[in-house]
Protein backbone atom coordinates (compact mmCIF):
# COMPACT_ATOMS: atom_id res chain seq x y z
CA UNK A 1 11.23 -1.49 -11.33
CA UNK A 2 9.10 0.35 -13.85
CA UNK A 3 5.47 0.70 -12.84
CA UNK A 4 4.58 1.27 -16.48
CA UNK A 5 5.97 -2.15 -17.42
CA UNK A 6 4.04 -3.77 -14.56
CA UNK A 7 0.85 -2.08 -15.81
CA UNK A 8 1.46 -3.28 -19.37
CA UNK A 9 2.07 -6.87 -18.23
CA UNK A 10 -1.06 -6.73 -16.05
CA UNK A 11 -3.13 -5.46 -18.98
CA UNK A 12 -1.93 -8.36 -21.14
CA UNK A 13 -2.43 -11.10 -18.54
CA UNK A 14 -5.48 -10.13 -16.48
CA UNK A 15 -7.98 -11.59 -18.94
CA UNK A 16 -6.38 -15.01 -18.57
CA UNK A 17 -7.73 -15.15 -14.99
CA UNK A 18 -11.24 -15.47 -13.63
CA UNK A 19 -12.61 -12.57 -11.55
CA UNK A 20 -11.60 -14.02 -8.18
CA UNK A 21 -8.07 -14.73 -9.34
CA UNK A 22 -7.83 -11.25 -10.87
CA UNK A 23 -8.67 -9.69 -7.51
CA UNK A 24 -6.12 -11.85 -5.70
CA UNK A 25 -3.43 -11.12 -8.29
CA UNK A 26 -4.18 -7.39 -8.23
CA UNK A 27 -3.80 -7.37 -4.46
CA UNK A 28 -0.42 -9.06 -4.71
CA UNK A 29 0.71 -6.60 -7.37
CA UNK A 30 -0.30 -3.71 -5.10
CA UNK A 31 1.73 -5.28 -2.26
CA UNK A 32 4.81 -5.58 -4.48
CA UNK A 33 4.49 -2.03 -5.80
CA UNK A 34 4.19 -0.64 -2.27
CA UNK A 35 7.23 -2.70 -1.26
CA UNK A 36 9.07 -0.96 -4.11
CA UNK A 37 8.02 2.41 -2.62
CA UNK A 38 5.35 3.38 -5.12
CA UNK A 39 2.65 5.44 -3.46
CA UNK A 40 -1.09 5.37 -4.07
CA UNK A 41 -1.07 8.29 -6.49
CA UNK A 42 1.58 6.64 -8.68
CA UNK A 43 -0.34 3.37 -8.69
CA UNK A 44 -3.60 5.17 -9.53
CA UNK A 45 -1.92 6.95 -12.41
CA UNK A 46 -0.37 3.79 -13.85
CA UNK A 47 -3.57 1.71 -13.57
CA UNK A 48 -6.19 4.40 -14.21
CA UNK A 49 -9.36 2.94 -15.65
CA UNK A 50 -8.65 -0.56 -14.33
CA UNK A 51 -11.46 -1.28 -11.88
CA UNK A 52 -9.83 -4.43 -10.49
CA UNK A 53 -6.59 -2.64 -9.61
CA UNK A 54 -8.44 0.36 -8.19
CA UNK A 55 -10.50 -1.94 -5.96
CA UNK A 56 -7.31 -3.72 -4.83
CA UNK A 57 -5.66 -0.37 -4.07
CA UNK A 58 -8.72 0.77 -2.13
CA UNK A 59 -8.67 -2.46 -0.10
CA UNK A 60 -4.94 -2.09 0.54
CA UNK A 61 -5.32 1.51 1.72
CA UNK A 62 -8.25 0.64 3.97
CA UNK A 63 -6.36 -2.25 5.53
CA UNK A 64 -3.15 -0.32 6.12
CA UNK A 65 -4.80 2.89 7.25
CA UNK A 66 -6.00 1.00 10.34
CA UNK A 67 -2.50 -0.36 10.94
CA UNK A 68 -1.05 3.17 10.83
CA UNK A 69 -3.63 4.43 13.32
CA UNK A 70 -2.86 1.56 15.69
CA UNK A 71 0.86 2.33 15.40
CA UNK A 72 0.24 6.02 16.12
CA UNK A 73 -1.69 5.12 19.25
CA UNK A 74 1.09 2.84 20.47
CA UNK A 75 3.89 5.32 19.78
CA UNK A 76 3.47 8.85 21.00
CA UNK A 77 6.54 10.90 20.16
CA UNK A 78 5.90 13.33 23.03
CA UNK A 79 6.01 10.47 25.52
CA UNK A 80 9.34 9.34 24.09
CA UNK A 81 10.94 12.74 24.46
CA UNK A 82 9.49 13.24 27.93
CA UNK A 83 11.15 9.98 29.00
CA UNK A 84 14.49 11.17 27.59
CA UNK A 85 14.23 14.43 29.53
CA UNK A 86 13.53 12.48 32.71
CA UNK A 87 16.69 10.44 32.17
CA UNK A 88 18.80 13.60 31.87
CA UNK A 89 17.62 14.70 35.31
CA UNK A 90 19.44 11.82 37.01
């Protein structure tokens, strides 16, 4: 998938939507791009100057930053390796 093509299509179609629909569509585009392994810096570069996409990216990052922190709290790598060492002692 080419992020540049996605940006061009977005630029052509976004004015066909009202503001609320633009925000919803931008959020879905961000989800798809992340699913295709584009990172925030690539998305920012492709959609620079587009306030709707930047707001959607900011919302996405804020939402998923919390998820990452929760995951980190649940999974402590040191605890995992300590458990493995305990098993070797048997």
